[in-house]
Protein backbone atom coordinates (compact mmCIF):
# COMPACT_ATOMS: atom_id res chain seq x y z
CA MET A 1 26.88 59.78 38.51
CA ASP A 2 28.82 56.39 37.77
CA PHE A 3 25.81 54.37 39.40
CA THR A 4 22.98 56.46 37.17
CA ILE A 5 25.03 55.90 34.02
CA ALA A 6 25.26 52.03 34.73
CA LEU A 7 21.68 52.04 35.98
CA LEU A 8 20.29 53.75 32.67
CA LEU A 9 22.60 51.35 30.66
CA PHE A 10 21.44 48.23 32.11
CA ILE A 11 17.62 49.69 31.47
CA PHE A 12 18.65 50.32 27.80
CA THR A 13 19.52 46.64 27.89
CA LEU A 14 16.86 45.53 29.25
CA ALA A 15 14.26 47.18 27.18
CA ILE A 16 16.64 46.17 23.88
CA TYR A 17 16.30 42.53 25.17
CA PHE A 18 12.65 42.55 25.91
CA ASN A 19 11.81 44.26 22.44
CA TYR A 20 13.81 41.80 20.49
CA THR A 21 12.12 38.52 22.68
CA ASN A 22 8.66 40.31 21.96
CA ASN A 23 9.49 40.75 18.13
CA SER A 24 11.02 37.13 18.25
CA VAL A 25 8.00 35.76 19.81
CA ASN A 26 5.93 37.54 17.68
CA ARG A 27 7.77 36.37 14.33
CA GLU A 28 7.66 32.70 15.39
CA LYS A 29 3.76 32.97 16.26
CA ASN A 30 3.29 34.45 12.65
CA GLU A 31 5.32 31.77 11.13
CA MET A 32 3.09 29.18 12.93
CA ASP A 33 0.13 30.84 11.93
CA ASN A 34 1.09 30.98 8.40
CA LEU A 35 2.64 27.27 8.21
CA ILE A 36 -1.06 26.36 9.82
CA ALA A 37 -2.89 28.32 7.28
CA ASP A 38 -0.71 26.45 4.46
CA ALA A 39 -1.28 23.22 5.91
CA ARG A 40 -5.13 23.65 6.00
CA SER A 41 -5.27 24.85 2.73
CA ILE A 42 -3.36 21.99 1.25
CA SER A 43 -5.61 19.56 3.09
CA SER A 44 -8.60 21.20 2.09
CA SER A 45 -7.59 21.22 -1.40
CA LEU A 46 -6.81 17.62 -1.52
CA VAL A 47 -10.12 16.50 -0.17
CA LEU A 48 -11.84 17.84 -3.17
CA SER A 49 -11.77 16.32 -6.86
CA GLY A 50 -9.24 19.62 -7.83
CA TYR A 51 -9.46 21.55 -10.92
CA PRO A 52 -10.52 20.80 -13.66
CA SER A 53 -12.63 17.92 -12.07
CA ASP A 54 -10.60 15.56 -14.62
CA TRP A 55 -7.46 17.03 -14.15
CA ASP A 56 -4.12 15.27 -15.32
CA ASN A 57 -0.46 16.28 -15.31
CA ALA A 58 -0.84 18.55 -18.30
CA SER A 59 -4.09 20.24 -17.19
CA ALA A 60 -4.01 20.44 -13.35
CA VAL A 61 -4.57 24.17 -12.01
CA ARG A 62 -5.45 22.52 -8.44
CA ILE A 63 -4.85 19.16 -7.07
CA GLY A 64 -7.44 17.15 -5.26
CA ILE A 65 -7.58 13.71 -5.09
CA ALA A 66 -11.06 12.76 -3.54
CA ASN A 67 -14.71 12.66 -4.92
CA GLU A 68 -17.14 13.11 -2.53
CA GLN A 69 -15.02 12.28 0.42
CA ARG A 70 -14.12 9.17 -1.66
CA ILE A 71 -10.18 8.85 -2.64
CA ASP A 72 -9.96 8.71 -6.40
CA ALA A 73 -6.94 6.00 -6.56
CA ALA A 74 -6.07 7.31 -10.38
CA LYS A 75 -5.48 10.72 -9.05
CA ILE A 76 -3.34 9.79 -6.11
CA LYS A 77 -0.79 8.32 -8.74
CA LEU A 78 -1.33 11.65 -10.64
CA PHE A 79 -0.36 13.56 -7.58
CA LYS A 80 2.63 11.37 -7.22
CA GLN A 81 4.00 12.13 -10.75
CA LEU A 82 3.41 15.63 -10.74
CA GLY A 83 6.72 16.10 -9.02
CA TYR A 84 7.34 17.90 -5.85
CA ASN A 85 8.48 21.60 -7.15
CA SER A 86 5.24 21.74 -9.39
CA THR A 87 3.03 20.47 -6.43
CA LYS A 88 4.57 23.22 -4.26
CA ARG A 89 3.43 25.87 -6.91
CA LYS A 90 -0.09 24.51 -7.00
CA PHE A 91 -0.74 24.51 -3.63
CA GLY A 92 0.88 28.16 -3.34
CA THR A 93 3.14 27.27 -0.36
CA LEU A 94 6.68 28.07 0.23
CA TYR A 95 6.84 25.42 3.05
CA ASP A 96 8.10 21.59 2.95
CA TYR A 97 5.56 19.37 2.78
CA PHE A 98 4.66 15.66 3.15
CA VAL A 99 1.47 13.77 2.68
CA PHE A 100 0.38 9.88 3.83
CA PHE A 101 -2.32 7.97 5.03
CA THR A 102 -2.97 5.86 7.88
CA ASN A 103 -5.41 3.18 9.11
CA SER A 104 -7.22 2.90 12.36
CA LYS A 105 -3.93 1.47 14.01
CA GLY A 106 -2.05 4.61 12.95
CA GLU A 107 -0.13 2.43 10.09
CA VAL A 108 1.04 4.26 7.16
CA LEU A 109 -1.29 2.90 4.11
CA ASN A 110 -0.67 1.78 0.84
CA VAL A 111 -3.02 3.87 -1.33
CA ASN A 112 -2.90 2.70 -4.89
CA GLY A 113 0.99 1.92 -4.77
CA VAL A 114 1.96 5.24 -3.11
CA CYS A 115 3.07 5.36 0.66
CA GLY A 116 3.75 8.97 0.73
CA ILE A 117 3.92 12.01 -1.45
CA GLY A 118 5.75 15.23 -0.84
CA ASN A 119 9.47 16.21 0.10
CA PRO A 120 11.76 13.25 -0.90
CA ILE A 121 13.94 13.75 1.80
CA VAL A 122 11.18 12.11 3.89
CA SER A 123 10.82 8.55 3.15
CA THR A 124 8.59 5.68 3.65
CA THR A 125 8.39 2.50 1.86
CA HIS A 126 6.39 -0.61 1.11
CA ASP A 127 6.29 -3.09 4.23
CA VAL A 128 5.92 -6.25 2.24
CA LYS A 129 8.32 -9.10 2.32
CA SER A 130 9.41 -9.78 -1.31
CA ALA A 131 11.73 -11.76 -3.36
CA TYR A 132 13.18 -11.13 -7.33
CA TYR A 133 14.91 -14.03 -9.05
CA TYR A 134 16.78 -13.60 -12.59
CA GLN A 135 19.41 -15.85 -14.47
CA ASP A 136 21.15 -13.47 -16.86
CA PRO A 137 22.13 -10.06 -15.94
CA ALA A 138 21.20 -8.79 -19.31
CA ASP A 139 17.43 -9.91 -17.87
CA SER A 140 17.43 -7.92 -15.06
CA PHE A 141 15.00 -4.97 -15.81
CA LEU A 142 13.33 -5.12 -12.55
CA LYS A 143 16.20 -5.86 -10.26
CA GLU A 144 17.29 -2.42 -9.36
CA PHE A 145 13.40 -1.32 -8.72
CA MET A 146 12.84 -4.36 -6.61
CA ASP A 147 15.94 -4.08 -4.53
CA GLY A 148 15.32 -0.15 -4.12
CA THR A 149 11.48 -0.13 -3.77
CA PHE A 150 10.63 -3.34 -1.86
CA LYS A 151 14.14 -4.18 -0.10
CA ALA A 152 13.34 -7.60 -1.99
CA ASP A 153 15.62 -10.33 -1.39
CA ILE A 154 17.60 -11.03 -4.77
CA TYR A 155 18.30 -14.32 -5.79
CA PHE A 156 20.22 -15.33 -9.14
CA GLY A 157 20.83 -18.43 -10.85
CA ASN A 158 21.44 -21.84 -9.98
CA ASP A 159 24.83 -22.55 -8.07
CA VAL A 160 25.32 -25.00 -5.34
CA GLN A 161 28.09 -23.09 -3.99
CA ASP A 162 26.09 -19.74 -3.80
CA ILE A 163 23.23 -19.32 -1.23
CA SER A 164 21.16 -16.68 -2.81
CA ASP A 165 20.37 -19.19 -5.93
CA ILE A 166 16.99 -20.74 -7.22
CA ASP A 167 17.47 -23.45 -3.98
CA ALA A 168 17.67 -20.79 -1.48
CA LEU A 169 14.62 -18.85 -3.12
CA ILE A 170 12.53 -22.13 -3.08
CA ASN A 171 13.49 -22.65 0.34
CA ASN A 172 12.25 -19.56 1.57
CA LEU A 173 9.05 -19.15 -0.44
CA SER A 174 6.69 -19.14 2.82
CA LYS A 175 8.67 -15.58 3.72
CA TYR A 176 7.24 -13.87 0.61
CA SER A 177 4.01 -12.46 -0.29
CA PHE A 178 5.45 -10.93 -3.60
CA ILE A 179 7.79 -12.47 -6.10
CA VAL A 180 9.10 -11.40 -9.59
CA MET A 181 10.84 -14.32 -11.71
CA GLU A 182 12.86 -12.49 -14.62
CA HIS A 183 13.57 -15.21 -17.52
CA PRO A 184 13.87 -17.99 -14.97
CA LEU A 185 14.89 -20.25 -17.57
CA LEU A 186 14.77 -23.64 -15.35
CA SER A 187 16.55 -26.42 -16.48
CA ALA A 188 14.33 -29.69 -16.77
CA SER A 189 15.58 -31.04 -13.36
CA ASP A 190 14.96 -27.56 -12.00
CA TYR A 191 11.23 -27.54 -13.24
CA ASN A 192 10.61 -31.27 -12.02
CA GLN A 193 12.10 -30.33 -8.34
CA PHE A 194 10.56 -26.86 -8.06
CA LYS A 195 7.26 -27.16 -9.61
CA ASP A 196 5.12 -28.39 -6.87
CA GLU A 197 6.52 -25.61 -4.30
CA LEU A 198 6.30 -22.81 -6.78
CA GLY A 199 2.63 -23.90 -7.45
CA ASN A 200 1.78 -24.20 -3.99
CA TYR A 201 3.35 -20.66 -3.21
CA SER A 202 0.76 -19.19 -5.70
CA SER A 203 -2.52 -21.07 -4.71
CA SER A 204 -1.69 -20.37 -0.92
CA GLY A 205 -2.39 -16.55 -1.82
CA GLY A 206 1.35 -15.39 -3.10
CA LEU A 207 1.45 -12.64 -5.76
CA LEU A 208 3.70 -13.56 -8.78
CA MET A 209 4.99 -11.63 -11.71
CA ILE A 210 6.70 -13.72 -14.57
CA SER A 211 8.66 -12.75 -17.41
CA GLY A 212 10.03 -14.24 -20.56
CA GLU A 213 10.86 -18.25 -20.71
CA LEU A 214 9.90 -20.12 -17.73
CA ALA A 215 12.07 -23.23 -18.64
CA THR A 216 14.22 -24.29 -21.05
CA ALA A 217 11.77 -27.25 -22.46
CA GLN A 218 8.24 -25.74 -24.07
CA GLY A 219 4.85 -26.11 -22.91
CA LYS A 220 5.66 -26.75 -19.39
CA ASN A 221 2.65 -26.06 -16.96
CA LEU A 222 2.42 -24.23 -13.72
CA PHE A 223 0.36 -21.88 -12.05
CA GLY A 224 -2.22 -23.36 -14.16
CA ALA A 225 -0.92 -22.13 -17.60
CA ASP A 226 1.42 -23.55 -20.59
CA PHE A 227 4.34 -21.54 -21.06
CA TYR A 228 5.89 -21.20 -24.39
CA LYS A 229 8.81 -19.28 -26.66
CA LYS A 230 7.64 -18.29 -30.14
CA SER A 231 9.54 -20.01 -32.87
CA GLY A 232 10.13 -16.85 -34.97
CA GLN A 233 11.68 -13.80 -33.07
CA SER A 234 11.50 -11.22 -35.89
CA VAL A 235 9.86 -7.50 -35.26
CA SER A 236 6.48 -8.81 -36.71
CA ASP A 237 6.63 -12.05 -34.28
CA ARG A 238 7.35 -9.74 -30.95
CA ASN A 239 4.86 -7.18 -32.01
CA SER A 240 1.70 -7.11 -30.00
CA THR A 241 -1.71 -4.95 -29.38
CA VAL A 242 -3.29 -4.62 -25.98
CA ASN A 243 -6.99 -6.12 -25.92
CA ASN A 244 -8.04 -5.18 -22.54
CA THR A 245 -7.24 -2.80 -19.59
CA ASP A 246 -6.20 -3.83 -16.28
CA GLN A 247 -6.85 -1.76 -13.03
CA HIS A 248 -2.86 -2.12 -11.97
CA LEU A 249 -1.35 -1.56 -15.35
CA SER A 250 -1.62 1.65 -17.12
CA LEU A 251 -2.52 0.07 -20.82
CA SER A 252 -4.72 1.36 -23.46
CA ALA A 253 -6.97 -0.57 -25.52
CA GLY A 254 -5.31 -1.03 -29.06
CA GLU A 255 -1.83 0.24 -27.85
CA HIS A 256 1.22 -1.68 -29.46
CA ILE A 257 3.95 -3.07 -27.53
CA VAL A 258 6.92 -4.71 -29.33
CA PHE A 259 8.55 -6.81 -26.89
CA SER A 260 12.54 -7.30 -27.10
CA GLN A 261 11.93 -11.34 -27.05
CA ALA A 262 8.61 -13.34 -27.99
CA TYR A 263 7.18 -15.62 -25.40
CA TYR A 264 3.48 -16.76 -24.71
CA VAL A 265 1.19 -18.67 -22.09
CA ASP A 266 -1.78 -20.57 -23.12
CA ASN A 267 -4.84 -21.09 -20.47
CA THR A 268 -5.63 -24.65 -19.18
CA SER A 269 -8.59 -25.71 -16.87
CA SER A 270 -6.68 -24.87 -13.28
CA ALA A 271 -6.01 -21.15 -14.30
CA ALA A 272 -8.98 -19.33 -12.88
CA GLY A 273 -10.24 -15.99 -14.61
CA PHE A 274 -7.82 -15.64 -17.13
CA LYS A 275 -7.53 -12.46 -18.87
CA ILE A 276 -5.72 -11.63 -22.05
CA ILE A 277 -4.48 -8.35 -21.67
CA ALA A 278 -1.98 -8.13 -24.67
CA SER A 279 -1.55 -10.55 -27.70
CA PHE A 280 0.71 -11.00 -30.59
CA ASN A 281 -0.51 -9.58 -33.86
CA GLN A 282 0.69 -12.51 -36.14
CA ASP A 283 -0.88 -15.44 -34.40
CA GLY A 284 -3.12 -13.97 -31.69
CA ASN A 285 -1.08 -15.91 -28.98
CA ASN A 286 -1.16 -14.40 -25.33
CA ALA A 287 1.83 -12.11 -24.72
CA LEU A 288 0.76 -10.42 -21.66
CA ALA A 289 -1.98 -11.96 -19.37
CA LYS A 290 -3.16 -12.33 -15.77
CA TRP A 291 -4.78 -15.19 -13.80
CA GLY A 292 -5.62 -16.59 -10.58
CA TYR A 293 -4.38 -19.81 -9.18
CA GLY A 294 -5.96 -21.08 -5.75
CA ASN A 295 -5.96 -18.13 -3.66
CA GLY A 296 -3.04 -16.28 -5.61
CA THR A 297 -2.72 -14.04 -8.65
CA VAL A 298 -0.19 -14.42 -11.34
CA TYR A 299 0.90 -11.79 -14.23
CA PHE A 300 2.71 -12.81 -17.19
CA PHE A 301 4.75 -10.72 -19.68
CA SER A 302 6.57 -11.88 -22.81
CA ASP A 303 9.16 -9.65 -21.41
CA PHE A 304 9.87 -6.71 -19.31
CA GLY A 305 12.32 -5.11 -22.05
CA VAL A 306 10.56 -3.77 -25.19
CA SER A 307 11.74 -2.04 -28.23
CA TYR A 308 8.64 0.15 -29.13
CA PHE A 309 6.08 1.41 -26.34
CA ASN A 310 4.63 4.75 -26.08
CA GLY A 311 6.26 5.33 -23.03
CA ASP A 312 8.76 3.64 -20.37
CA PHE A 313 7.16 -0.03 -20.28
CA ALA A 314 9.71 -0.91 -17.25
CA ALA A 315 8.34 2.17 -15.09
CA MET A 316 4.77 1.22 -16.12
CA VAL A 317 5.15 -2.50 -14.58
CA GLU A 318 6.93 -0.83 -11.52
CA ASP A 319 3.92 1.31 -10.98
CA GLY A 320 1.80 -1.70 -11.22
CA ALA A 321 3.45 -3.80 -8.84
CA GLN A 322 3.30 -0.93 -6.46
CA ALA A 323 -0.35 -0.84 -6.82
CA LEU A 324 -0.90 -4.60 -6.67
CA VAL A 325 1.08 -5.08 -3.50
CA GLU A 326 -1.37 -4.03 -0.48
CA GLY A 327 -0.97 -3.47 2.98
CA THR A 328 0.90 -1.13 5.11
CA CYS A 329 4.08 1.00 4.43
CA THR A 330 7.00 1.48 6.86
CA PRO A 331 6.66 4.75 9.15
CA VAL A 332 7.21 8.13 8.26
CA ASP A 333 10.89 8.89 8.54
CA LEU A 334 11.31 12.72 9.50
CA SER A 335 14.85 12.39 10.71
CA ASN A 336 16.70 14.03 7.47
CA ALA A 337 14.55 16.90 7.58
CA ASP A 338 15.71 20.09 9.09
CA ILE A 339 12.61 21.23 10.63
CA LYS A 340 12.27 24.53 12.89
CA THR A 341 8.69 24.77 12.92
CA LEU A 342 6.17 21.81 12.11
CA ALA A 343 2.26 21.97 11.57
CA LYS A 344 0.18 18.79 11.04
CA THR A 345 -3.46 18.78 9.66
CA GLU A 346 -5.89 15.87 9.57
CA ARG A 347 -8.96 14.85 7.11
CA TYR A 348 -10.86 11.85 7.21
CA LEU A 349 -11.74 10.21 3.74
CA ILE A 350 -12.97 6.73 2.50
CA TYR A 351 -10.56 4.50 0.71
CA ASN A 352 -11.58 0.59 -0.43
CA SER A 353 -14.82 1.01 1.68
CA LYS A 354 -12.80 1.67 4.78
CA VAL A 355 -12.03 5.04 6.86
CA ILE A 356 -8.60 6.30 6.54
CA LYS A 357 -6.94 9.50 7.72
CA MET A 358 -5.07 11.86 5.79
CA VAL A 359 -2.10 13.45 7.37
CA VAL A 360 -0.31 16.63 6.02
CA TYR A 361 2.74 17.89 7.70
CA LEU A 362 4.28 21.19 6.62
CA TRP A 363 7.47 22.49 7.85
CA GLN A 364 10.11 25.19 7.84
């Protein structure tokens, strides 16, 4: 009798165990099937143009980033701006996701300033060596952005006791492919000492964004242009209008910008393809311009701070900087994500006349 009871209990326990195990396996299989189905659905949606085909952040019903297998760079930026929770609802998924792009070497690509889109705990950043210089804490609008987004080396002022001042920046110029100088206000001696090194940096292919007053003396020439401070600083002196659009700056012709401080540049014969983006209304001087110098590119802004603009001017400049910086991003880091089950899909698209791979991660 004892043996029979024990055998029955053992058989009952085995039945419960195998039933639970079978159900668990089925649940995991169903969960995996659902993940794969959602991952395929998201990637299928993204390789199309979306709905409506000219969707924006207000009108988007279905998100798509490609037209005839070619990536629409503007839609990549809109996709990023939509926000994570909003995009999950539009994709119709309960799972976490992350979308990124890779080249033929498997490197994560910077596509129009975007390294990846999706769950914010998944990280990938721009893999570019950059620097940021400022000389006044009151004029440091892009400092936090440059530090956080590009991990830029930060340089400040001119102090012989400081290993991170203007002298250090000049000594390290060859390390960088992208430099932002915010209101540098170089002294006469600094200008004379460093103008050739700065000019060589740009002409050798460096990308430079500069705002405000280049030097204490007016009319100094650098990067093929002359730099000036406006004599008047009233609202009417600082009010400007956008003349031309730029592929990297989200500005519309006719848009008004009132800069916090008024500075301008004049073209000289050594500035190639000088493009006036915005002019001061009162005298027509160039408040925002772009030009080539040797193999490099220079953007000039009267100021990164504005007292009037239809939007966030600094954020617009930051988006432009990310779009300007070409190349690869750091590898995708999933270490902070609590992943139980992971699905992955891949699709091929064309970007800048090259075949690239779009990768979608979906996980529970």
